[in-house]
């Protein structure tokens, strides 16, 4: 369970970041499922880029700044990108 906690934190913060961007960008017509999926995937990716997704070395804890900021930022960025792609496809 200790190895899964960083990933769970990344997914949750990624979903929160994705929901925030989805609400802020009203021009991106997205349902809840694309926002949740892109937020979760972006959260894991963003935290990995910041170096917080090493489940073997959890010495800094699941609630490290890399996991939280990387998850929220990655989820927000990927959700914004997916929203713009979906908007372009609907034209």
PDB file of N, CA and C in Angstrom:
ATOM      1  N   UNK A   1       0.820  -1.192   0.000  1.00  0.00           N
ATOM      2  CA  UNK A   1       0.000   0.000   0.000  1.00  0.00           C
ATOM      3  C   UNK A   1       0.863   1.255   0.000  1.00  0.00           C
ATOM      4  N   UNK A   2       2.027   1.159   0.635  1.00  0.00           N
ATOM      5  CA  UNK A   2       2.913   2.316   0.705  1.00  0.00           C
ATOM      6  C   UNK A   2       3.421   2.725  -0.671  1.00  0.00           C
ATOM      7  N   UNK A   3       3.590   1.766  -1.559  1.00  0.00           N
ATOM      8  CA  UNK A   3       4.050   2.077  -2.912  1.00  0.00           C
ATOM      9  C   UNK A   3       2.948   2.683  -3.770  1.00  0.00           C
ATOM     10  N   UNK A   4       1.688   2.415  -3.430  1.00  0.00           N
ATOM     11  CA  UNK A   4       0.571   2.955  -4.219  1.00  0.00           C
ATOM     12  C   UNK A   4       0.164   4.367  -3.806  1.00  0.00           C
ATOM     13  N   UNK A   5       0.515   4.791  -2.615  1.00  0.00           N
ATOM     14  CA  UNK A   5       0.080   6.104  -2.139  1.00  0.00           C
ATOM     15  C   UNK A   5       0.543   7.262  -3.019  1.00  0.00           C
ATOM     16  N   UNK A   6       1.801   7.308  -3.480  1.00  0.00           N
ATOM     17  CA  UNK A   6       2.182   8.414  -4.369  1.00  0.00           C
ATOM     18  C   UNK A   6       1.354   8.444  -5.649  1.00  0.00           C
ATOM     19  N   UNK A   7       1.056   7.290  -6.205  1.00  0.00           N
ATOM     20  CA  UNK A   7       0.283   7.232  -7.445  1.00  0.00           C
ATOM     21  C   UNK A   7      -1.155   7.679  -7.188  1.00  0.00           C
ATOM     22  N   UNK A   8      -1.717   7.291  -6.056  1.00  0.00           N
ATOM     23  CA  UNK A   8      -3.079   7.709  -5.714  1.00  0.00           C
ATOM     24  C   UNK A   8      -3.139   9.227  -5.543  1.00  0.00           C
ATOM     25  N   UNK A   9      -2.140   9.798  -4.880  1.00  0.00           N
ATOM     26  CA  UNK A   9      -2.081  11.254  -4.701  1.00  0.00           C
ATOM     27  C   UNK A   9      -1.969  11.940  -6.058  1.00  0.00           C
ATOM     28  N   UNK A  10      -1.153  11.398  -6.954  1.00  0.00           N
ATOM     29  CA  UNK A  10      -0.984  11.990  -8.281  1.00  0.00           C
ATOM     30  C   UNK A  10      -2.275  11.944  -9.080  1.00  0.00           C
ATOM     31  N   UNK A  11      -2.992  10.837  -9.017  1.00  0.00           N
ATOM     32  CA  UNK A  11      -4.246  10.704  -9.752  1.00  0.00           C
ATOM     33  C   UNK A  11      -5.285  11.683  -9.211  1.00  0.00           C
ATOM     34  N   UNK A  12      -5.410  11.761  -7.890  1.00  0.00           N
ATOM     35  CA  UNK A  12      -6.416  12.649  -7.287  1.00  0.00           C
ATOM     36  C   UNK A  12      -6.100  14.110  -7.592  1.00  0.00           C
ATOM     37  N   UNK A  13      -4.840  14.514  -7.417  1.00  0.00           N
ATOM     38  CA  UNK A  13      -4.504  15.909  -7.706  1.00  0.00           C
ATOM     39  C   UNK A  13      -4.603  16.203  -9.200  1.00  0.00           C
ATOM     40  N   UNK A  14      -4.314  15.216 -10.038  1.00  0.00           N
ATOM     41  CA  UNK A  14      -4.479  15.396 -11.471  1.00  0.00           C
ATOM     42  C   UNK A  14      -5.934  15.600 -11.854  1.00  0.00           C
ATOM     43  N   UNK A  15      -6.818  14.836 -11.249  1.00  0.00           N
ATOM     44  CA  UNK A  15      -8.256  15.007 -11.509  1.00  0.00           C
ATOM     45  C   UNK A  15      -8.715  16.382 -11.042  1.00  0.00           C
ATOM     46  N   UNK A  16      -8.238  16.824  -9.885  1.00  0.00           N
ATOM     47  CA  UNK A  16      -8.614  18.157  -9.392  1.00  0.00           C
ATOM     48  C   UNK A  16      -8.114  19.253 -10.330  1.00  0.00           C
ATOM     49  N   UNK A  17      -6.878  19.120 -10.807  1.00  0.00           N
ATOM     50  CA  UNK A  17      -6.346  20.098 -11.755  1.00  0.00           C
ATOM     51  C   UNK A  17      -7.109  20.089 -13.067  1.00  0.00           C
ATOM     52  N   UNK A  18      -7.477  18.900 -13.536  1.00  0.00           N
ATOM     53  CA  UNK A  18      -8.253  18.786 -14.764  1.00  0.00           C
ATOM     54  C   UNK A  18      -9.638  19.376 -14.631  1.00  0.00           C
ATOM     55  N   UNK A  19     -10.267  19.167 -13.494  1.00  0.00           N
ATOM     56  CA  UNK A  19     -11.594  19.740 -13.266  1.00  0.00           C
ATOM     57  C   UNK A  19     -11.526  21.266 -13.202  1.00  0.00           C
ATOM     58  N   UNK A  20     -10.471  21.787 -12.600  1.00  0.00           N
ATOM     59  CA  UNK A  20     -10.331  23.245 -12.506  1.00  0.00           C
ATOM     60  C   UNK A  20     -10.170  23.864 -13.890  1.00  0.00           C
ATOM     61  N   UNK A  21      -9.345  23.257 -14.727  1.00  0.00           N
ATOM     62  CA  UNK A  21      -9.160  23.782 -16.079  1.00  0.00           C
ATOM     63  C   UNK A  21     -10.425  23.595 -16.900  1.00  0.00           C
ATOM     64  N   UNK A  22     -11.084  22.474 -16.742  1.00  0.00           N
ATOM     65  CA  UNK A  22     -12.334  22.242 -17.468  1.00  0.00           C
ATOM     66  C   UNK A  22     -13.405  23.252 -17.116  1.00  0.00           C
ATOM     67  N   UNK A  23     -13.431  23.684 -15.866  1.00  0.00           N
ATOM     68  CA  UNK A  23     -14.401  24.689 -15.457  1.00  0.00           C
ATOM     69  C   UNK A  23     -13.991  26.082 -15.918  1.00  0.00           C
ATOM     70  N   UNK A  24     -12.686  26.335 -15.964  1.00  0.00           N
ATOM     71  CA  UNK A  24     -12.197  27.655 -16.353  1.00  0.00           C
ATOM     72  C   UNK A  24     -12.314  27.894 -17.854  1.00  0.00           C
ATOM     73  N   UNK A  25     -12.117  26.858 -18.631  1.00  0.00           N
ATOM     74  CA  UNK A  25     -12.196  26.990 -20.086  1.00  0.00           C
ATOM     75  C   UNK A  25     -13.590  26.559 -20.516  1.00  0.00           C
ATOM     76  N   UNK A  26     -14.469  27.505 -20.586  1.00  0.00           N
ATOM     77  CA  UNK A  26     -15.847  27.161 -20.940  1.00  0.00           C
ATOM     78  C   UNK A  26     -15.986  26.875 -22.428  1.00  0.00           C
ATOM     79  N   UNK A  27     -15.014  27.308 -23.236  1.00  0.00           N
ATOM     80  CA  UNK A  27     -15.104  27.058 -24.677  1.00  0.00           C
ATOM     81  C   UNK A  27     -14.789  25.609 -25.018  1.00  0.00           C
ATOM     82  N   UNK A  28     -14.108  24.914 -24.138  1.00  0.00           N
ATOM     83  CA  UNK A  28     -13.792  23.503 -24.372  1.00  0.00           C
ATOM     84  C   UNK A  28     -14.980  22.663 -23.921  1.00  0.00           C
ATOM     85  N   UNK A  29     -15.730  22.170 -24.863  1.00  0.00           N
ATOM     86  CA  UNK A  29     -16.921  21.384 -24.553  1.00  0.00           C
ATOM     87  C   UNK A  29     -16.464  19.963 -24.245  1.00  0.00           C
ATOM     88  N   UNK A  30     -16.374  19.661 -22.958  1.00  0.00           N
ATOM     89  CA  UNK A  30     -15.908  18.349 -22.522  1.00  0.00           C
ATOM     90  C   UNK A  30     -16.888  17.787 -21.511  1.00  0.00           C
ATOM     91  N   UNK A  31     -17.099  16.489 -21.589  1.00  0.00           N
ATOM     92  CA  UNK A  31     -17.874  15.801 -20.577  1.00  0.00           C
ATOM     93  C   UNK A  31     -16.996  15.494 -19.375  1.00  0.00           C
ATOM     94  N   UNK A  32     -17.580  14.888 -18.368  1.00  0.00           N
ATOM     95  CA  UNK A  32     -16.829  14.560 -17.157  1.00  0.00           C
ATOM     96  C   UNK A  32     -15.792  13.466 -17.395  1.00  0.00           C
ATOM     97  N   UNK A  33     -16.132  12.469 -18.199  1.00  0.00           N
ATOM     98  CA  UNK A  33     -15.197  11.360 -18.401  1.00  0.00           C
ATOM     99  C   UNK A  33     -13.884  11.806 -19.042  1.00  0.00           C
ATOM    100  N   UNK A  34     -13.901  12.602 -20.123  1.00  0.00           N
ATOM    101  CA  UNK A  34     -12.614  13.067 -20.665  1.00  0.00           C
ATOM    102  C   UNK A  34     -11.824  13.923 -19.684  1.00  0.00           C
ATOM    103  N   UNK A  35     -12.522  14.737 -18.867  1.00  0.00           N
ATOM    104  CA  UNK A  35     -11.809  15.553 -17.882  1.00  0.00           C
ATOM    105  C   UNK A  35     -11.164  14.686 -16.804  1.00  0.00           C
ATOM    106  N   UNK A  36     -11.880  13.676 -16.370  1.00  0.00           N
ATOM    107  CA  UNK A  36     -11.345  12.798 -15.329  1.00  0.00           C
ATOM    108  C   UNK A  36     -10.168  11.986 -15.865  1.00  0.00           C
ATOM    109  N   UNK A  37     -10.334  11.389 -17.047  1.00  0.00           N
ATOM    110  CA  UNK A  37      -9.267  10.559 -17.601  1.00  0.00           C
ATOM    111  C   UNK A  37      -8.025  11.373 -17.939  1.00  0.00           C
ATOM    112  N   UNK A  38      -8.217  12.514 -18.599  1.00  0.00           N
ATOM    113  CA  UNK A  38      -7.040  13.317 -18.954  1.00  0.00           C
ATOM    114  C   UNK A  38      -6.386  13.899 -17.705  1.00  0.00           C
ATOM    115  N   UNK A  39      -7.178  14.240 -16.699  1.00  0.00           N
ATOM    116  CA  UNK A  39      -6.610  14.734 -15.452  1.00  0.00           C
ATOM    117  C   UNK A  39      -5.797  13.668 -14.727  1.00  0.00           C
ATOM    118  N   UNK A  40      -6.320  12.453 -14.682  1.00  0.00           N
ATOM    119  CA  UNK A  40      -5.610  11.364 -13.996  1.00  0.00           C
ATOM    120  C   UNK A  40      -4.320  10.999 -14.723  1.00  0.00           C
ATOM    121  N   UNK A  41      -4.395  10.872 -16.045  1.00  0.00           N
ATOM    122  CA  UNK A  41      -3.201  10.522 -16.821  1.00  0.00           C
ATOM    123  C   UNK A  41      -2.180  11.652 -16.766  1.00  0.00           C
ATOM    124  N   UNK A  42      -2.662  12.880 -16.889  1.00  0.00           N
ATOM    125  CA  UNK A  42      -1.760  14.024 -16.794  1.00  0.00           C
ATOM    126  C   UNK A  42      -1.145  14.166 -15.415  1.00  0.00           C
ATOM    127  N   UNK A  43      -1.896  13.806 -14.390  1.00  0.00           N
ATOM    128  CA  UNK A  43      -1.364  13.867 -13.030  1.00  0.00           C
ATOM    129  C   UNK A  43      -0.197  12.921 -12.822  1.00  0.00           C
ATOM    130  N   UNK A  44      -0.321  11.724 -13.334  1.00  0.00           N
ATOM    131  CA  UNK A  44       0.781  10.763 -13.216  1.00  0.00           C
ATOM    132  C   UNK A  44       1.967  11.221 -14.053  1.00  0.00           C
ATOM    133  N   UNK A  45       1.680  11.701 -15.271  1.00  0.00           N
ATOM    134  CA  UNK A  45       2.755  12.170 -16.145  1.00  0.00           C
ATOM    135  C   UNK A  45       3.476  13.387 -15.601  1.00  0.00           C
ATOM    136  N   UNK A  46       2.712  14.338 -15.082  1.00  0.00           N
ATOM    137  CA  UNK A  46       3.328  15.544 -14.535  1.00  0.00           C
ATOM    138  C   UNK A  46       4.193  15.265 -13.323  1.00  0.00           C
ATOM    139  N   UNK A  47       3.739  14.391 -12.468  1.00  0.00           N
ATOM    140  CA  UNK A  47       4.536  14.045 -11.290  1.00  0.00           C
ATOM    141  C   UNK A  47       5.771  13.245 -11.676  1.00  0.00           C
ATOM    142  N   UNK A  48       5.644  12.444 -12.736  1.00  0.00           N
ATOM    143  CA  UNK A  48       6.807  11.697 -13.206  1.00  0.00           C
ATOM    144  C   UNK A  48       7.875  12.640 -13.734  1.00  0.00           C
ATOM    145  N   UNK A  49       7.444  13.668 -14.454  1.00  0.00           N
ATOM    146  CA  UNK A  49       8.400  14.641 -14.975  1.00  0.00           C
ATOM    147  C   UNK A  49       9.121  15.359 -13.834  1.00  0.00           C
ATOM    148  N   UNK A  50       8.405  15.656 -12.767  1.00  0.00           N
ATOM    149  CA  UNK A  50       9.023  16.323 -11.624  1.00  0.00           C
ATOM    150  C   UNK A  50       9.792  15.368 -10.719  1.00  0.00           C
ATOM    151  N   UNK A  51       9.729  14.088 -10.994  1.00  0.00           N
ATOM    152  CA  UNK A  51      10.494  13.128 -10.216  1.00  0.00           C
ATOM    153  C   UNK A  51       9.803  12.611  -8.984  1.00  0.00           C
ATOM    154  N   UNK A  52       8.481  12.687  -8.939  1.00  0.00           N
ATOM    155  CA  UNK A  52       7.768  12.231  -7.760  1.00  0.00           C
ATOM    156  C   UNK A  52       7.123  10.877  -7.915  1.00  0.00           C
ATOM    157  N   UNK A  53       7.317  10.210  -9.041  1.00  0.00           N
ATOM    158  CA  UNK A  53       6.596   8.969  -9.307  1.00  0.00           C
ATOM    159  C   UNK A  53       7.482   7.741  -9.184  1.00  0.00           C
ATOM    160  N   UNK A  54       8.397   7.756  -8.261  1.00  0.00           N
ATOM    161  CA  UNK A  54       9.244   6.590  -8.051  1.00  0.00           C
ATOM    162  C   UNK A  54       8.679   5.799  -6.881  1.00  0.00           C
ATOM    163  N   UNK A  55       7.818   4.793  -7.161  1.00  0.00           N
ATOM    164  CA  UNK A  55       7.179   4.079  -6.053  1.00  0.00           C
ATOM    165  C   UNK A  55       8.142   3.266  -5.207  1.00  0.00           C
ATOM    166  N   UNK A  56       9.351   3.003  -5.703  1.00  0.00           N
ATOM    167  CA  UNK A  56      10.313   2.242  -4.918  1.00  0.00           C
ATOM    168  C   UNK A  56      10.911   3.120  -3.830  1.00  0.00           C
ATOM    169  N   UNK A  57      11.208   4.359  -4.178  1.00  0.00           N
ATOM    170  CA  UNK A  57      11.813   5.273  -3.211  1.00  0.00           C
ATOM    171  C   UNK A  57      10.750   6.224  -2.683  1.00  0.00           C
ATOM    172  N   UNK A  58      10.018   5.781  -1.690  1.00  0.00           N
ATOM    173  CA  UNK A  58       8.953   6.610  -1.116  1.00  0.00           C
ATOM    174  C   UNK A  58       9.405   7.243   0.193  1.00  0.00           C
ATOM    175  N   UNK A  59      10.697   7.490   0.307  1.00  0.00           N
ATOM    176  CA  UNK A  59      11.206   8.036   1.560  1.00  0.00           C
ATOM    177  C   UNK A  59      10.713   9.455   1.814  1.00  0.00           C
ATOM    178  N   UNK A  60      10.413  10.222   0.730  1.00  0.00           N
ATOM    179  CA  UNK A  60       9.928  11.576   0.934  1.00  0.00           C
ATOM    180  C   UNK A  60       8.428  11.616   1.173  1.00  0.00           C
ATOM    181  N   UNK A  61       7.763  10.493   1.062  1.00  0.00           N
ATOM    182  CA  UNK A  61       6.350  10.414   1.386  1.00  0.00           C
ATOM    183  C   UNK A  61       5.456  10.659   0.183  1.00  0.00           C
ATOM    184  N   UNK A  62       4.221  10.192   0.310  1.00  0.00           N
ATOM    185  CA  UNK A  62       3.258  10.302  -0.777  1.00  0.00           C
ATOM    186  C   UNK A  62       2.813  11.742  -0.977  1.00  0.00           C
ATOM    187  N   UNK A  63       2.811  12.535   0.082  1.00  0.00           N
ATOM    188  CA  UNK A  63       2.354  13.916  -0.020  1.00  0.00           C
ATOM    189  C   UNK A  63       3.502  14.882  -0.275  1.00  0.00           C
ATOM    190  N   UNK A  64       4.479  14.445  -1.073  1.00  0.00           N
ATOM    191  CA  UNK A  64       5.584  15.329  -1.396  1.00  0.00           C
ATOM    192  C   UNK A  64       5.119  16.396  -2.370  1.00  0.00           C
ATOM    193  N   UNK A  65       5.864  17.463  -2.434  1.00  0.00           N
ATOM    194  CA  UNK A  65       5.531  18.578  -3.315  1.00  0.00           C
ATOM    195  C   UNK A  65       5.556  18.155  -4.780  1.00  0.00           C
ATOM    196  N   UNK A  66       6.452  17.238  -5.141  1.00  0.00           N
ATOM    197  CA  UNK A  66       6.509  16.749  -6.514  1.00  0.00           C
ATOM    198  C   UNK A  66       5.217  16.038  -6.891  1.00  0.00           C
ATOM    199  N   UNK A  67       4.692  15.238  -6.004  1.00  0.00           N
ATOM    200  CA  UNK A  67       3.458  14.512  -6.292  1.00  0.00           C
ATOM    201  C   UNK A  67       2.266  15.452  -6.407  1.00  0.00           C
ATOM    202  N   UNK A  68       2.172  16.396  -5.511  1.00  0.00           N
ATOM    203  CA  UNK A  68       1.011  17.285  -5.485  1.00  0.00           C
ATOM    204  C   UNK A  68       1.048  18.284  -6.634  1.00  0.00           C
ATOM    205  N   UNK A  69       2.142  19.036  -6.756  1.00  0.00           N
ATOM    206  CA  UNK A  69       2.226  20.041  -7.816  1.00  0.00           C
ATOM    207  C   UNK A  69       2.330  19.414  -9.195  1.00  0.00           C
ATOM    208  N   UNK A  70       3.097  18.342  -9.300  1.00  0.00           N
ATOM    209  CA  UNK A  70       3.206  17.651 -10.584  1.00  0.00           C
ATOM    210  C   UNK A  70       1.881  17.049 -11.009  1.00  0.00           C
ATOM    211  N   UNK A  71       1.152  16.490 -10.064  1.00  0.00           N
ATOM    212  CA  UNK A  71      -0.146  15.909 -10.380  1.00  0.00           C
ATOM    213  C   UNK A  71      -1.154  16.953 -10.812  1.00  0.00           C
ATOM    214  N   UNK A  72      -1.261  18.029 -10.053  1.00  0.00           N
ATOM    215  CA  UNK A  72      -2.221  19.078 -10.388  1.00  0.00           C
ATOM    216  C   UNK A  72      -1.855  19.789 -11.681  1.00  0.00           C
ATOM    217  N   UNK A  73      -0.578  20.101 -11.835  1.00  0.00           N
ATOM    218  CA  UNK A  73      -0.136  20.787 -13.053  1.00  0.00           C
ATOM    219  C   UNK A  73      -0.260  19.918 -14.289  1.00  0.00           C
ATOM    220  N   UNK A  74       0.161  18.667 -14.172  1.00  0.00           N
ATOM    221  CA  UNK A  74       0.058  17.758 -15.306  1.00  0.00           C
ATOM    222  C   UNK A  74      -1.376  17.487 -15.707  1.00  0.00           C
ATOM    223  N   UNK A  75      -2.246  17.318 -14.710  1.00  0.00           N
ATOM    224  CA  UNK A  75      -3.659  17.105 -15.004  1.00  0.00           C
ATOM    225  C   UNK A  75      -4.290  18.308 -15.665  1.00  0.00           C
ATOM    226  N   UNK A  76      -3.920  19.504 -15.205  1.00  0.00           N
ATOM    227  CA  UNK A  76      -4.469  20.726 -15.792  1.00  0.00           C
ATOM    228  C   UNK A  76      -3.981  20.909 -17.224  1.00  0.00           C
ATOM    229  N   UNK A  77      -2.704  20.690 -17.455  1.00  0.00           N
ATOM    230  CA  UNK A  77      -2.140  20.880 -18.794  1.00  0.00           C
ATOM    231  C   UNK A  77      -2.727  19.891 -19.778  1.00  0.00           C
ATOM    232  N   UNK A  78      -2.758  18.614 -19.416  1.00  0.00           N
ATOM    233  CA  UNK A  78      -3.274  17.616 -20.355  1.00  0.00           C
ATOM    234  C   UNK A  78      -4.764  17.809 -20.604  1.00  0.00           C
ATOM    235  N   UNK A  79      -5.518  18.194 -19.595  1.00  0.00           N
ATOM    236  CA  UNK A  79      -6.941  18.447 -19.795  1.00  0.00           C
ATOM    237  C   UNK A  79      -7.156  19.637 -20.721  1.00  0.00           C
ATOM    238  N   UNK A  80      -6.344  20.671 -20.584  1.00  0.00           N
ATOM    239  CA  UNK A  80      -6.427  21.813 -21.482  1.00  0.00           C
ATOM    240  C   UNK A  80      -6.125  21.433 -22.920  1.00  0.00           C
ATOM    241  N   UNK A  81      -5.117  20.587 -23.108  1.00  0.00           N
ATOM    242  CA  UNK A  81      -4.755  20.140 -24.458  1.00  0.00           C
ATOM    243  C   UNK A  81      -5.869  19.293 -25.053  1.00  0.00           C
ATOM    244  N   UNK A  82      -6.381  18.356 -24.274  1.00  0.00           N
ATOM    245  CA  UNK A  82      -7.467  17.496 -24.763  1.00  0.00           C
ATOM    246  C   UNK A  82      -8.712  18.323 -25.063  1.00  0.00           C
ATOM    247  N   UNK A  83      -8.998  19.312 -24.239  1.00  0.00           N
ATOM    248  CA  UNK A  83     -10.150  20.177 -24.472  1.00  0.00           C
ATOM    249  C   UNK A  83     -10.032  20.953 -25.773  1.00  0.00           C
ATOM    250  N   UNK A  84      -8.844  21.450 -26.060  1.00  0.00           N
ATOM    251  CA  UNK A  84      -8.646  22.195 -27.302  1.00  0.00           C
ATOM    252  C   UNK A  84      -8.720  21.277 -28.518  1.00  0.00           C
ATOM    253  N   UNK A  85      -8.226  20.061 -28.382  1.00  0.00           N
ATOM    254  CA  UNK A  85      -8.320  19.094 -29.488  1.00  0.00           C
ATOM    255  C   UNK A  85      -9.778  18.734 -29.735  1.00  0.00           C
ATOM    256  N   UNK A  86     -10.536  18.504 -28.664  1.00  0.00           N
ATOM    257  CA  UNK A  86     -11.952  18.173 -28.824  1.00  0.00           C
ATOM    258  C   UNK A  86     -12.726  19.344 -29.432  1.00  0.00           C
ATOM    259  N   UNK A  87     -12.357  20.555 -29.046  1.00  0.00           N
ATOM    260  CA  UNK A  87     -13.016  21.736 -29.600  1.00  0.00           C
ATOM    261  C   UNK A  87     -12.728  21.844 -31.104  1.00  0.00           C
ATOM    262  N   UNK A  88     -11.484  21.592 -31.498  1.00  0.00           N
ATOM    263  CA  UNK A  88     -11.122  21.658 -32.910  1.00  0.00           C
ATOM    264  C   UNK A  88     -11.804  20.559 -33.725  1.00  0.00           C
ATOM    265  N   UNK A  89     -12.008  19.414 -33.114  1.00  0.00           N
ATOM    266  CA  UNK A  89     -12.663  18.305 -33.827  1.00  0.00           C
ATOM    267  C   UNK A  89     -14.148  18.549 -34.007  1.00  0.00           C
ATOM    268  N   UNK A  90     -14.764  19.342 -33.129  1.00  0.00           N
ATOM    269  CA  UNK A  90     -16.191  19.622 -33.228  1.00  0.00           C
ATOM    270  C   UNK A  90     -16.529  20.685 -34.251  1.00  0.00           C
ATOM    271  N   UNK A  91     -15.535  21.380 -34.761  1.00  0.00           N
ATOM    272  CA  UNK A  91     -15.795  22.449 -35.748  1.00  0.00           C
ATOM    273  C   UNK A  91     -16.102  21.862 -37.094  1.00  0.00           C
TER     274      UNK A  91
END
